[in-house]
Amino acid sequence: METEGAHPVRRGKVARPQQEWNWIIAVYLYLAGMGAGSFIIGMLIHWTGVAFNPLPVPSIEFLGVRFDLAKIPIFWGPVMVSIGAPFLILDLGIKWRFFYACLNPRASWVARGFIILSIFIVFGLALFVKSLFSFKWLYPESGLWLIPEGIAFVFAFATALYTGILLKATKSVPLWNTPLLPLLFLASALSTGSMSIILSTLATGLISYDAGAMKMLTAGEQIFILTEGIILYLFFSRRYKASEQGKDSVRLLVTGKLRFVFWQGIILLGFVFPIVLEWISKHYQNPALLFIAGISLLTGGFFLRLGILQAGIKDQIPMQRLMEMQHELIQNSKSEYRNPKQIRISKI
């Protein structure tokens, strides 16, 4: 009979994935990563001055205030991070547990992440508002705006890396305890972030399908996917060799109960379908296929985080290892006692 919440991985062994961090944290990691990646790509587009070519985008006036919609799709990353942050608060608990974690930056990565996210959200939303409202008193063309842009850009990178560092800091889970995890989440943030810009600009008509800016975006996004795939391979291969719990986590994803999350959710939706559909879309000049590829990639980005969370198996504490060794010795001595003839024959 299987233990509840446990999945058999090796013969005679039972792997028990952690239960503390669930889909709520996966949503937070996903939105924070995608929002930060979207802002990084959007800011690079803004700095390089890439023309979006298109039909002019009309502005909207409401209550005498004019809204400029031209740059919303490339600056909306902080909005996604703002939406994702409450999921972390929801998981930690709004009362003492959350406030205690946030007031201890020397020992808690939750507190450091709270500071990183807060700085990025404040400066990112300020730039988003500046791009949305065309107020002359904001002096939108002033070079002084380079300062908050630079700060927001740096903390966007920190936010994307932090989504992996938060898990890496949990040293009791060997699957997470590797520097490759922050790099994997950074590559995923850049791929999902660039794809979110592609979909939003394509859907709103900011960039036509055959525009130079669209070609640049899709080419960069494909590089991010390939980089993410290489890091994912290194991540699983090294975790497989790191420890028994790391090996169990990889087996749980590749051949165990989470194999559907891995093969269908991560590999097919996150890598195979986007690459194949984007190539077909480019060959036949079909924007609908590019849109489907984008939805597939964004879905795969969520399953990547969910799968890594659900496959996290805690390392055994030393006392538990000692008890297991004692149990194995007792079982071996019992088997020898029951089969004395076999012992005598083996000695002869």
C-alpha atoms as a PDB file:
ATOM      1  CA  MET A   1       0.000   0.000   0.000  1.00  0.00           C
ATOM      2  CA  GLU A   2       1.354   3.444  -0.911  1.00  0.00           C
ATOM      3  CA  THR A   3       1.745   6.142   1.664  1.00  0.00           C
ATOM      4  CA  GLU A   4      -0.522   9.132   1.088  1.00  0.00           C
ATOM      5  CA  GLY A   5       1.337  11.931  -0.707  1.00  0.00           C
ATOM      6  CA  ALA A   6       4.175   9.598  -1.636  1.00  0.00           C
ATOM      7  CA  HIS A   7       5.179   8.192  -4.993  1.00  0.00           C
ATOM      8  CA  PRO A   8       7.226   5.028  -5.500  1.00  0.00           C
ATOM      9  CA  VAL A   9      10.437   5.770  -7.393  1.00  0.00           C
ATOM     10  CA  ARG A  10      13.035   3.139  -6.494  1.00  0.00           C
ATOM     11  CA  ARG A  11      12.305  -0.405  -5.458  1.00  0.00           C
ATOM     12  CA  GLY A  12      11.963  -0.509  -1.684  1.00  0.00           C
ATOM     13  CA  LYS A  13      12.066   3.276  -1.417  1.00  0.00           C
ATOM     14  CA  VAL A  14       9.331   5.883  -1.268  1.00  0.00           C
ATOM     15  CA  ALA A  15       9.755   9.476  -2.437  1.00  0.00           C
ATOM     16  CA  ARG A  16       7.738  12.083  -0.575  1.00  0.00           C
ATOM     17  CA  PRO A  17       7.644  15.444  -2.402  1.00  0.00           C
ATOM     18  CA  GLN A  18       7.313  18.572  -0.314  1.00  0.00           C
ATOM     19  CA  GLN A  19       3.753  19.753   0.286  1.00  0.00           C
ATOM     20  CA  GLU A  20       4.352  23.271   1.630  1.00  0.00           C
ATOM     21  CA  TRP A  21       4.689  25.097  -1.700  1.00  0.00           C
ATOM     22  CA  ASN A  22       1.918  24.350  -4.170  1.00  0.00           C
ATOM     23  CA  TRP A  23       0.289  25.828  -7.278  1.00  0.00           C
ATOM     24  CA  ILE A  24      -0.174  29.219  -5.568  1.00  0.00           C
ATOM     25  CA  ILE A  25       3.595  29.693  -5.419  1.00  0.00           C
ATOM     26  CA  ALA A  26       3.834  28.413  -9.025  1.00  0.00           C
ATOM     27  CA  VAL A  27       1.471  31.214 -10.121  1.00  0.00           C
ATOM     28  CA  TYR A  28       3.578  33.776  -8.245  1.00  0.00           C
ATOM     29  CA  LEU A  29       6.846  32.503  -9.763  1.00  0.00           C
ATOM     30  CA  TYR A  30       5.267  32.466 -13.228  1.00  0.00           C
ATOM     31  CA  LEU A  31       3.772  35.969 -13.186  1.00  0.00           C
ATOM     32  CA  ALA A  32       6.826  37.516 -11.523  1.00  0.00           C
ATOM     33  CA  GLY A  33       9.184  35.887 -14.030  1.00  0.00           C
ATOM     34  CA  MET A  34       7.105  36.687 -17.099  1.00  0.00           C
ATOM     35  CA  GLY A  35       6.501  40.269 -15.957  1.00  0.00           C
ATOM     36  CA  ALA A  36      10.185  40.882 -15.265  1.00  0.00           C
ATOM     37  CA  GLY A  37      11.220  39.295 -18.567  1.00  0.00           C
ATOM     38  CA  SER A  38       8.649  41.341 -20.460  1.00  0.00           C
ATOM     39  CA  PHE A  39       9.953  44.560 -18.922  1.00  0.00           C
ATOM     40  CA  ILE A  40      13.581  43.667 -19.741  1.00  0.00           C
ATOM     41  CA  ILE A  41      12.757  43.054 -23.404  1.00  0.00           C
ATOM     42  CA  GLY A  42      10.469  46.096 -23.549  1.00  0.00           C
ATOM     43  CA  MET A  43      13.133  48.360 -22.101  1.00  0.00           C
ATOM     44  CA  LEU A  44      15.706  47.096 -24.617  1.00  0.00           C
ATOM     45  CA  ILE A  45      13.233  47.859 -27.413  1.00  0.00           C
ATOM     46  CA  HIS A  46      12.694  51.328 -25.968  1.00  0.00           C
ATOM     47  CA  TRP A  47      16.418  52.078 -25.670  1.00  0.00           C
ATOM     48  CA  THR A  48      17.322  50.807 -29.134  1.00  0.00           C
ATOM     49  CA  GLY A  49      14.507  52.833 -30.676  1.00  0.00           C
ATOM     50  CA  VAL A  50      13.131  49.976 -32.769  1.00  0.00           C
ATOM     51  CA  ALA A  51      10.253  51.286 -34.872  1.00  0.00           C
ATOM     52  CA  PHE A  52       6.981  49.415 -34.529  1.00  0.00           C
ATOM     53  CA  ASN A  53       6.043  50.403 -38.087  1.00  0.00           C
ATOM     54  CA  PRO A  54       2.442  50.102 -38.080  1.00  0.00           C
ATOM     55  CA  LEU A  55      -0.743  51.810 -38.500  1.00  0.00           C
ATOM     56  CA  PRO A  56      -0.901  54.657 -36.036  1.00  0.00           C
ATOM     57  CA  VAL A  57      -2.385  53.605 -32.693  1.00  0.00           C
ATOM     58  CA  PRO A  58      -5.199  55.937 -31.649  1.00  0.00           C
ATOM     59  CA  SER A  59      -5.088  57.531 -28.243  1.00  0.00           C
ATOM     60  CA  ILE A  60      -8.130  57.516 -25.956  1.00  0.00           C
ATOM     61  CA  GLU A  61      -9.506  60.428 -23.973  1.00  0.00           C
ATOM     62  CA  PHE A  62     -11.435  59.817 -20.753  1.00  0.00           C
ATOM     63  CA  LEU A  63     -12.620  62.607 -18.428  1.00  0.00           C
ATOM     64  CA  GLY A  64     -10.343  64.992 -20.241  1.00  0.00           C
ATOM     65  CA  VAL A  65      -7.265  62.785 -19.787  1.00  0.00           C
ATOM     66  CA  ARG A  66      -5.499  61.472 -22.866  1.00  0.00           C
ATOM     67  CA  PHE A  67      -4.207  57.859 -22.756  1.00  0.00           C
ATOM     68  CA  ASP A  68      -1.396  56.946 -25.125  1.00  0.00           C
ATOM     69  CA  LEU A  69      -1.698  53.221 -25.933  1.00  0.00           C
ATOM     70  CA  ALA A  70       1.406  52.924 -28.093  1.00  0.00           C
ATOM     71  CA  LYS A  71       3.814  51.570 -25.487  1.00  0.00           C
ATOM     72  CA  ILE A  72       1.503  49.722 -23.107  1.00  0.00           C
ATOM     73  CA  PRO A  73       2.431  46.226 -24.396  1.00  0.00           C
ATOM     74  CA  ILE A  74       6.154  46.781 -23.807  1.00  0.00           C
ATOM     75  CA  PHE A  75       5.879  48.382 -20.352  1.00  0.00           C
ATOM     76  CA  TRP A  76       3.154  46.327 -18.689  1.00  0.00           C
ATOM     77  CA  GLY A  77       5.596  43.896 -17.015  1.00  0.00           C
ATOM     78  CA  PRO A  78       5.392  45.553 -13.568  1.00  0.00           C
ATOM     79  CA  VAL A  79       1.610  45.149 -13.698  1.00  0.00           C
ATOM     80  CA  MET A  80       1.999  41.370 -14.003  1.00  0.00           C
ATOM     81  CA  VAL A  81       4.507  41.312 -11.139  1.00  0.00           C
ATOM     82  CA  SER A  82       2.068  43.362  -9.032  1.00  0.00           C
ATOM     83  CA  ILE A  83      -0.663  40.814  -9.753  1.00  0.00           C
ATOM     84  CA  GLY A  84       1.638  37.888  -8.912  1.00  0.00           C
ATOM     85  CA  ALA A  85       3.050  39.211  -5.609  1.00  0.00           C
ATOM     86  CA  PRO A  86      -0.211  38.751  -3.617  1.00  0.00           C
ATOM     87  CA  PHE A  87      -0.077  35.016  -4.368  1.00  0.00           C
ATOM     88  CA  LEU A  88       3.095  34.800  -2.246  1.00  0.00           C
ATOM     89  CA  ILE A  89       1.367  36.757   0.525  1.00  0.00           C
ATOM     90  CA  LEU A  90      -1.647  34.451   0.233  1.00  0.00           C
ATOM     91  CA  ASP A  91       0.544  31.374   0.656  1.00  0.00           C
ATOM     92  CA  LEU A  92       2.557  32.771   3.592  1.00  0.00           C
ATOM     93  CA  GLY A  93      -0.480  34.154   5.347  1.00  0.00           C
ATOM     94  CA  ILE A  94      -1.387  37.823   5.599  1.00  0.00           C
ATOM     95  CA  LYS A  95      -0.799  38.069   9.353  1.00  0.00           C
ATOM     96  CA  TRP A  96       2.332  37.490  11.437  1.00  0.00           C
ATOM     97  CA  ARG A  97       3.996  34.889   9.222  1.00  0.00           C
ATOM     98  CA  PHE A  98       4.239  37.265   6.249  1.00  0.00           C
ATOM     99  CA  PHE A  99       5.316  40.312   8.264  1.00  0.00           C
ATOM    100  CA  TYR A 100       7.928  38.328  10.206  1.00  0.00           C
ATOM    101  CA  ALA A 101       9.409  36.978   6.938  1.00  0.00           C
ATOM    102  CA  CYS A 102       9.565  40.453   5.409  1.00  0.00           C
ATOM    103  CA  LEU A 103      11.241  42.049   8.440  1.00  0.00           C
ATOM    104  CA  ASN A 104      14.207  39.678   8.493  1.00  0.00           C
ATOM    105  CA  PRO A 105      16.282  40.434   5.357  1.00  0.00           C
ATOM    106  CA  ARG A 106      19.545  39.141   6.848  1.00  0.00           C
ATOM    107  CA  ALA A 107      18.262  35.580   7.151  1.00  0.00           C
ATOM    108  CA  SER A 108      15.238  35.396   4.869  1.00  0.00           C
ATOM    109  CA  TRP A 109      15.202  35.370   1.072  1.00  0.00           C
ATOM    110  CA  VAL A 110      11.497  36.143   1.291  1.00  0.00           C
ATOM    111  CA  ALA A 111      12.404  39.487   2.885  1.00  0.00           C
ATOM    112  CA  ARG A 112      15.101  40.196   0.291  1.00  0.00           C
ATOM    113  CA  GLY A 113      12.685  39.292  -2.471  1.00  0.00           C
ATOM    114  CA  PHE A 114      10.075  41.593  -0.964  1.00  0.00           C
ATOM    115  CA  ILE A 115      12.580  44.474  -1.204  1.00  0.00           C
ATOM    116  CA  ILE A 116      13.594  43.546  -4.775  1.00  0.00           C
ATOM    117  CA  LEU A 117       9.995  43.249  -5.965  1.00  0.00           C
ATOM    118  CA  SER A 118       8.942  46.448  -4.203  1.00  0.00           C
ATOM    119  CA  ILE A 119      11.687  48.529  -5.860  1.00  0.00           C
ATOM    120  CA  PHE A 120      10.959  47.041  -9.275  1.00  0.00           C
ATOM    121  CA  ILE A 121       7.196  47.538  -8.956  1.00  0.00           C
ATOM    122  CA  VAL A 122       7.519  51.160  -7.791  1.00  0.00           C
ATOM    123  CA  PHE A 123       9.948  52.246 -10.521  1.00  0.00           C
ATOM    124  CA  GLY A 124       8.359  50.019 -13.183  1.00  0.00           C
ATOM    125  CA  LEU A 125       4.861  51.325 -12.537  1.00  0.00           C
ATOM    126  CA  ALA A 126       6.170  54.907 -12.596  1.00  0.00           C
ATOM    127  CA  LEU A 127       7.573  54.290 -16.084  1.00  0.00           C
ATOM    128  CA  PHE A 128       4.357  52.557 -17.128  1.00  0.00           C
ATOM    129  CA  VAL A 129       2.303  55.573 -16.020  1.00  0.00           C
ATOM    130  CA  LYS A 130       4.728  57.930 -17.788  1.00  0.00           C
ATOM    131  CA  SER A 131       4.268  56.003 -21.044  1.00  0.00           C
ATOM    132  CA  LEU A 132       0.488  55.859 -20.624  1.00  0.00           C
ATOM    133  CA  PHE A 133      -0.242  59.498 -19.777  1.00  0.00           C
ATOM    134  CA  SER A 134       1.161  62.161 -22.080  1.00  0.00           C
ATOM    135  CA  PHE A 135       1.416  64.907 -19.456  1.00  0.00           C
ATOM    136  CA  LYS A 136       3.830  67.650 -20.451  1.00  0.00           C
ATOM    137  CA  TRP A 137       4.762  68.346 -16.824  1.00  0.00           C
ATOM    138  CA  LEU A 138       6.294  64.835 -16.663  1.00  0.00           C
ATOM    139  CA  TYR A 139       8.878  65.888 -19.256  1.00  0.00           C
ATOM    140  CA  PRO A 140       8.826  62.440 -20.924  1.00  0.00           C
ATOM    141  CA  GLU A 141      11.760  63.321 -23.214  1.00  0.00           C
ATOM    142  CA  SER A 142      14.045  64.371 -20.376  1.00  0.00           C
ATOM    143  CA  GLY A 143      17.308  62.456 -19.984  1.00  0.00           C
ATOM    144  CA  LEU A 144      16.672  62.252 -16.238  1.00  0.00           C
ATOM    145  CA  TRP A 145      14.237  59.406 -16.922  1.00  0.00           C
ATOM    146  CA  LEU A 146      17.264  57.228 -17.733  1.00  0.00           C
ATOM    147  CA  ILE A 147      17.920  56.955 -13.984  1.00  0.00           C
ATOM    148  CA  PRO A 148      14.610  55.276 -13.025  1.00  0.00           C
ATOM    149  CA  GLU A 149      14.765  53.268 -16.257  1.00  0.00           C
ATOM    150  CA  GLY A 150      18.196  51.912 -15.306  1.00  0.00           C
ATOM    151  CA  ILE A 151      17.075  51.119 -11.739  1.00  0.00           C
ATOM    152  CA  ALA A 152      13.943  49.349 -12.958  1.00  0.00           C
ATOM    153  CA  PHE A 153      15.943  47.398 -15.544  1.00  0.00           C
ATOM    154  CA  VAL A 154      18.465  46.147 -12.959  1.00  0.00           C
ATOM    155  CA  PHE A 155      15.738  45.126 -10.510  1.00  0.00           C
ATOM    156  CA  ALA A 156      13.777  43.444 -13.297  1.00  0.00           C
ATOM    157  CA  PHE A 157      16.796  41.159 -13.799  1.00  0.00           C
ATOM    158  CA  ALA A 158      16.986  40.678 -10.029  1.00  0.00           C
ATOM    159  CA  THR A 159      13.289  39.765  -9.933  1.00  0.00           C
ATOM    160  CA  ALA A 160      13.664  37.170 -12.679  1.00  0.00           C
ATOM    161  CA  LEU A 161      16.682  35.625 -10.918  1.00  0.00           C
ATOM    162  CA  TYR A 162      15.019  35.836  -7.510  1.00  0.00           C
ATOM    163  CA  THR A 163      12.185  33.519  -8.548  1.00  0.00           C
ATOM    164  CA  GLY A 164      14.830  30.779  -8.783  1.00  0.00           C
ATOM    165  CA  ILE A 165      16.936  31.947  -5.819  1.00  0.00           C
ATOM    166  CA  LEU A 166      13.869  31.692  -3.567  1.00  0.00           C
ATOM    167  CA  LEU A 167      13.726  27.945  -4.263  1.00  0.00           C
ATOM    168  CA  LYS A 168      17.511  27.487  -4.238  1.00  0.00           C
ATOM    169  CA  ALA A 169      17.623  28.898  -0.716  1.00  0.00           C
ATOM    170  CA  THR A 170      15.662  25.830   0.432  1.00  0.00           C
ATOM    171  CA  LYS A 171      18.740  23.654   0.956  1.00  0.00           C
ATOM    172  CA  SER A 172      16.716  20.692   2.230  1.00  0.00           C
ATOM    173  CA  VAL A 173      15.425  20.031  -1.322  1.00  0.00           C
ATOM    174  CA  PRO A 174      18.343  18.822  -3.505  1.00  0.00           C
ATOM    175  CA  LEU A 175      16.420  19.397  -6.756  1.00  0.00           C
ATOM    176  CA  TRP A 176      16.274  23.129  -6.044  1.00  0.00           C
ATOM    177  CA  ASN A 177      19.667  23.617  -4.419  1.00  0.00           C
ATOM    178  CA  THR A 178      21.700  24.506  -7.530  1.00  0.00           C
ATOM    179  CA  PRO A 179      22.787  27.777  -9.202  1.00  0.00           C
ATOM    180  CA  LEU A 180      21.314  26.438 -12.456  1.00  0.00           C
ATOM    181  CA  LEU A 181      17.772  26.972 -11.156  1.00  0.00           C
ATOM    182  CA  PRO A 182      17.951  30.819 -11.086  1.00  0.00           C
ATOM    183  CA  LEU A 183      19.527  30.720 -14.563  1.00  0.00           C
ATOM    184  CA  LEU A 184      16.762  28.398 -15.798  1.00  0.00           C
ATOM    185  CA  PHE A 185      14.057  30.694 -14.450  1.00  0.00           C
ATOM    186  CA  LEU A 186      15.832  33.735 -15.943  1.00  0.00           C
ATOM    187  CA  ALA A 187      15.905  32.110 -19.399  1.00  0.00           C
ATOM    188  CA  SER A 188      12.236  31.131 -19.016  1.00  0.00           C
ATOM    189  CA  ALA A 189      11.367  34.681 -17.910  1.00  0.00           C
ATOM    190  CA  LEU A 190      13.014  36.117 -21.021  1.00  0.00           C
ATOM    191  CA  SER A 191      11.318  33.618 -23.369  1.00  0.00           C
ATOM    192  CA  THR A 192       7.830  34.040 -21.859  1.00  0.00           C
ATOM    193  CA  GLY A 193       8.336  37.797 -21.488  1.00  0.00           C
ATOM    194  CA  SER A 194       9.351  38.264 -25.115  1.00  0.00           C
ATOM    195  CA  MET A 195       6.465  36.062 -26.268  1.00  0.00           C
ATOM    196  CA  SER A 196       3.983  38.074 -24.200  1.00  0.00           C
ATOM    197  CA  ILE A 197       5.193  41.221 -26.008  1.00  0.00           C
ATOM    198  CA  ILE A 198       4.906  39.461 -29.381  1.00  0.00           C
ATOM    199  CA  LEU A 199       1.327  38.366 -28.685  1.00  0.00           C
ATOM    200  CA  SER A 200       0.203  41.704 -27.267  1.00  0.00           C
ATOM    201  CA  THR A 201       1.711  43.808 -30.049  1.00  0.00           C
ATOM    202  CA  LEU A 202       0.471  41.422 -32.734  1.00  0.00           C
ATOM    203  CA  ALA A 203      -3.052  41.335 -31.309  1.00  0.00           C
ATOM    204  CA  THR A 204      -3.300  45.124 -30.906  1.00  0.00           C
ATOM    205  CA  GLY A 205      -1.804  45.907 -34.318  1.00  0.00           C
ATOM    206  CA  LEU A 206       1.235  47.677 -32.895  1.00  0.00           C
ATOM    207  CA  ILE A 207       3.466  45.483 -35.068  1.00  0.00           C
ATOM    208  CA  SER A 208       2.459  43.892 -38.321  1.00  0.00           C
ATOM    209  CA  TYR A 209       3.424  40.270 -38.835  1.00  0.00           C
ATOM    210  CA  ASP A 210       6.038  41.010 -41.498  1.00  0.00           C
ATOM    211  CA  ALA A 211       7.588  44.017 -39.728  1.00  0.00           C
ATOM    212  CA  GLY A 212      11.298  44.150 -38.975  1.00  0.00           C
ATOM    213  CA  ALA A 213      10.578  44.617 -35.263  1.00  0.00           C
ATOM    214  CA  MET A 214       8.489  41.418 -35.240  1.00  0.00           C
ATOM    215  CA  LYS A 215      11.279  39.478 -36.948  1.00  0.00           C
ATOM    216  CA  MET A 216      13.746  40.741 -34.376  1.00  0.00           C
ATOM    217  CA  LEU A 217      11.453  39.784 -31.499  1.00  0.00           C
ATOM    218  CA  THR A 218      10.745  36.274 -32.804  1.00  0.00           C
ATOM    219  CA  ALA A 219      14.435  35.645 -33.518  1.00  0.00           C
ATOM    220  CA  GLY A 220      15.382  36.708 -29.995  1.00  0.00           C
ATOM    221  CA  GLU A 221      12.587  34.633 -28.479  1.00  0.00           C
ATOM    222  CA  GLN A 222      13.785  31.501 -30.311  1.00  0.00           C
ATOM    223  CA  ILE A 223      17.297  32.052 -28.950  1.00  0.00           C
ATOM    224  CA  PHE A 224      15.837  32.266 -25.443  1.00  0.00           C
ATOM    225  CA  ILE A 225      13.926  28.992 -25.953  1.00  0.00           C
ATOM    226  CA  LEU A 226      17.043  27.141 -27.116  1.00  0.00           C
ATOM    227  CA  THR A 227      19.065  28.573 -24.212  1.00  0.00           C
ATOM    228  CA  GLU A 228      16.344  27.540 -21.793  1.00  0.00           C
ATOM    229  CA  GLY A 229      16.331  24.007 -23.247  1.00  0.00           C
ATOM    230  CA  ILE A 230      20.104  23.643 -22.806  1.00  0.00           C
ATOM    231  CA  ILE A 231      19.943  24.869 -19.200  1.00  0.00           C
ATOM    232  CA  LEU A 232      16.998  22.547 -18.497  1.00  0.00           C
ATOM    233  CA  TYR A 233      19.014  19.553 -19.739  1.00  0.00           C
ATOM    234  CA  LEU A 234      22.030  20.512 -17.606  1.00  0.00           C
ATOM    235  CA  PHE A 235      19.755  21.144 -14.630  1.00  0.00           C
ATOM    236  CA  PHE A 236      18.145  17.675 -14.711  1.00  0.00           C
ATOM    237  CA  SER A 237      21.325  15.780 -15.601  1.00  0.00           C
ATOM    238  CA  ARG A 238      23.293  17.340 -12.720  1.00  0.00           C
ATOM    239  CA  ARG A 239      20.465  17.003 -10.205  1.00  0.00           C
ATOM    240  CA  TYR A 240      20.161  13.331 -11.178  1.00  0.00           C
ATOM    241  CA  LYS A 241      23.795  12.790 -10.141  1.00  0.00           C
ATOM    242  CA  ALA A 242      23.724  15.045  -7.079  1.00  0.00           C
ATOM    243  CA  SER A 243      21.981  12.809  -4.523  1.00  0.00           C
ATOM    244  CA  GLU A 244      19.414  10.054  -4.131  1.00  0.00           C
ATOM    245  CA  GLN A 245      16.685  12.639  -3.504  1.00  0.00           C
ATOM    246  CA  GLY A 246      17.739  14.588  -6.598  1.00  0.00           C
ATOM    247  CA  LYS A 247      17.650  11.379  -8.625  1.00  0.00           C
ATOM    248  CA  ASP A 248      14.191  10.582  -7.236  1.00  0.00           C
ATOM    249  CA  SER A 249      12.922  14.056  -8.180  1.00  0.00           C
ATOM    250  CA  VAL A 250      14.128  13.695 -11.776  1.00  0.00           C
ATOM    251  CA  ARG A 251      12.613  10.200 -12.022  1.00  0.00           C
ATOM    252  CA  LEU A 252       9.370  11.484 -10.565  1.00  0.00           C
ATOM    253  CA  LEU A 253       9.151  14.024 -13.395  1.00  0.00           C
ATOM    254  CA  VAL A 254      10.485  11.951 -16.278  1.00  0.00           C
ATOM    255  CA  THR A 255       8.992   8.501 -15.577  1.00  0.00           C
ATOM    256  CA  GLY A 256       6.930   8.879 -12.404  1.00  0.00           C
ATOM    257  CA  LYS A 257       3.583  10.354 -11.475  1.00  0.00           C
ATOM    258  CA  LEU A 258       4.526  13.805 -12.837  1.00  0.00           C
ATOM    259  CA  ARG A 259       5.582  12.510 -16.271  1.00  0.00           C
ATOM    260  CA  PHE A 260       2.519  14.086 -17.938  1.00  0.00           C
ATOM    261  CA  VAL A 261       3.431  17.481 -16.466  1.00  0.00           C
ATOM    262  CA  PHE A 262       6.983  17.034 -17.772  1.00  0.00           C
ATOM    263  CA  TRP A 263       6.442  15.578 -21.258  1.00  0.00           C
ATOM    264  CA  GLN A 264       3.125  17.194 -22.228  1.00  0.00           C
ATOM    265  CA  GLY A 265       3.267  20.385 -20.171  1.00  0.00           C
ATOM    266  CA  ILE A 266       6.965  21.317 -20.205  1.00  0.00           C
ATOM    267  CA  ILE A 267       8.497  19.607 -23.245  1.00  0.00           C
ATOM    268  CA  LEU A 268       5.644  19.612 -25.794  1.00  0.00           C
ATOM    269  CA  LEU A 269       3.884  22.866 -24.851  1.00  0.00           C
ATOM    270  CA  GLY A 270       6.981  24.745 -23.717  1.00  0.00           C
ATOM    271  CA  PHE A 271       9.525  23.687 -26.347  1.00  0.00           C
ATOM    272  CA  VAL A 272       8.414  21.421 -29.205  1.00  0.00           C
ATOM    273  CA  PHE A 273       5.139  23.094 -30.224  1.00  0.00           C
ATOM    274  CA  PRO A 274       6.457  26.706 -30.092  1.00  0.00           C
ATOM    275  CA  ILE A 275       9.577  25.908 -32.149  1.00  0.00           C
ATOM    276  CA  VAL A 276       7.712  23.841 -34.760  1.00  0.00           C
ATOM    277  CA  LEU A 277       4.731  26.193 -35.042  1.00  0.00           C
ATOM    278  CA  GLU A 278       6.919  29.290 -35.270  1.00  0.00           C
ATOM    279  CA  TRP A 279       8.948  27.695 -38.063  1.00  0.00           C
ATOM    280  CA  ILE A 280       5.767  26.738 -39.985  1.00  0.00           C
ATOM    281  CA  SER A 281       4.313  30.200 -39.348  1.00  0.00           C
ATOM    282  CA  LYS A 282       7.426  31.849 -40.719  1.00  0.00           C
ATOM    283  CA  HIS A 283       7.515  29.564 -43.759  1.00  0.00           C
ATOM    284  CA  TYR A 284       3.844  30.060 -44.680  1.00  0.00           C
ATOM    285  CA  GLN A 285       3.531  33.651 -43.371  1.00  0.00           C
ATOM    286  CA  ASN A 286       0.655  32.661 -41.057  1.00  0.00           C
ATOM    287  CA  PRO A 287       0.246  34.897 -37.966  1.00  0.00           C
ATOM    288  CA  ALA A 288      -2.451  32.610 -36.501  1.00  0.00           C
ATOM    289  CA  LEU A 289       0.116  29.827 -36.021  1.00  0.00           C
ATOM    290  CA  LEU A 290       2.453  32.267 -34.294  1.00  0.00           C
ATOM    291  CA  PHE A 291      -0.350  33.199 -31.916  1.00  0.00           C
ATOM    292  CA  ILE A 292      -1.022  29.505 -31.115  1.00  0.00           C
ATOM    293  CA  ALA A 293       2.722  28.963 -30.594  1.00  0.00           C
ATOM    294  CA  GLY A 294       2.758  31.860 -28.153  1.00  0.00           C
ATOM    295  CA  ILE A 295      -0.124  30.511 -26.083  1.00  0.00           C
ATOM    296  CA  SER A 296       1.601  27.123 -26.019  1.00  0.00           C
ATOM    297  CA  LEU A 297       4.906  28.597 -24.837  1.00  0.00           C
ATOM    298  CA  LEU A 298       3.270  30.674 -22.105  1.00  0.00           C
ATOM    299  CA  THR A 299       1.399  27.589 -20.846  1.00  0.00           C
ATOM    300  CA  GLY A 300       4.618  25.576 -20.856  1.00  0.00           C
ATOM    301  CA  GLY A 301       6.326  28.283 -18.793  1.00  0.00           C
ATOM    302  CA  PHE A 302       3.764  27.786 -16.031  1.00  0.00           C
ATOM    303  CA  PHE A 303       4.096  23.984 -16.102  1.00  0.00           C
ATOM    304  CA  LEU A 304       7.888  24.340 -15.816  1.00  0.00           C
ATOM    305  CA  ARG A 305       7.537  26.046 -12.451  1.00  0.00           C
ATOM    306  CA  LEU A 306       4.693  23.815 -11.283  1.00  0.00           C
ATOM    307  CA  GLY A 307       6.602  20.634 -12.152  1.00  0.00           C
ATOM    308  CA  ILE A 308       9.800  21.718 -10.401  1.00  0.00           C
ATOM    309  CA  LEU A 309       7.797  22.657  -7.312  1.00  0.00           C
ATOM    310  CA  GLN A 310       5.829  19.403  -7.175  1.00  0.00           C
ATOM    311  CA  ALA A 311       8.930  17.252  -7.756  1.00  0.00           C
ATOM    312  CA  GLY A 312      10.885  18.754  -4.847  1.00  0.00           C
ATOM    313  CA  ILE A 313      11.792  15.892  -2.508  1.00  0.00           C
ATOM    314  CA  LYS A 314      13.297  16.790   0.859  1.00  0.00           C
ATOM    315  CA  ASP A 315      16.650  15.422   1.894  1.00  0.00           C
ATOM    316  CA  GLN A 316      16.673  12.995   4.794  1.00  0.00           C
ATOM    317  CA  ILE A 317      17.861  14.280   8.136  1.00  0.00           C
ATOM    318  CA  PRO A 318      20.905  12.455   9.579  1.00  0.00           C
ATOM    319  CA  MET A 319      18.876  10.724  12.327  1.00  0.00           C
ATOM    320  CA  GLN A 320      16.414   9.392   9.760  1.00  0.00           C
ATOM    321  CA  ARG A 321      19.304   8.028   7.689  1.00  0.00           C
ATOM    322  CA  LEU A 322      20.755   6.345  10.781  1.00  0.00           C
ATOM    323  CA  MET A 323      17.392   4.759  11.599  1.00  0.00           C
ATOM    324  CA  GLU A 324      17.088   3.442   8.044  1.00  0.00           C
ATOM    325  CA  MET A 325      20.586   1.956   8.228  1.00  0.00           C
ATOM    326  CA  GLN A 326      19.769   0.287  11.548  1.00  0.00           C
ATOM    327  CA  HIS A 327      16.531  -1.058  10.071  1.00  0.00           C
ATOM    328  CA  GLU A 328      18.394  -2.533   7.093  1.00  0.00           C
ATOM    329  CA  LEU A 329      20.978  -4.154   9.400  1.00  0.00           C
ATOM    330  CA  ILE A 330      18.209  -5.711  11.500  1.00  0.00           C
ATOM    331  CA  GLN A 331      16.456  -7.012   8.407  1.00  0.00           C
ATOM    332  CA  ASN A 332      19.698  -8.489   7.076  1.00  0.00           C
ATOM    333  CA  SER A 333      20.471 -10.181  10.393  1.00  0.00           C
ATOM    334  CA  LYS A 334      16.977 -11.675  10.483  1.00  0.00           C
ATOM    335  CA  SER A 335      17.332 -13.062   6.981  1.00  0.00           C
ATOM    336  CA  GLU A 336      20.703 -14.611   7.903  1.00  0.00           C
ATOM    337  CA  TYR A 337      19.214 -16.152  11.033  1.00  0.00           C
ATOM    338  CA  ARG A 338      16.370 -17.703   9.023  1.00  0.00           C
ATOM    339  CA  ASN A 339      18.730 -19.191   6.418  1.00  0.00           C
ATOM    340  CA  PRO A 340      21.742 -20.597   8.336  1.00  0.00           C
ATOM    341  CA  LYS A 341      22.380 -23.218   5.633  1.00  0.00           C
ATOM    342  CA  GLN A 342      22.838 -20.504   3.045  1.00  0.00           C
ATOM    343  CA  ILE A 343      25.345 -18.765   5.328  1.00  0.00           C
ATOM    344  CA  ARG A 344      27.358 -21.969   5.819  1.00  0.00           C
ATOM    345  CA  ILE A 345      27.347 -22.723   2.107  1.00  0.00           C
ATOM    346  CA  SER A 346      28.413 -19.168   1.235  1.00  0.00           C
ATOM    347  CA  LYS A 347      31.238 -19.370   3.776  1.00  0.00           C
ATOM    348  CA  ILE A 348      32.438 -22.675   2.304  1.00  0.00           C
END
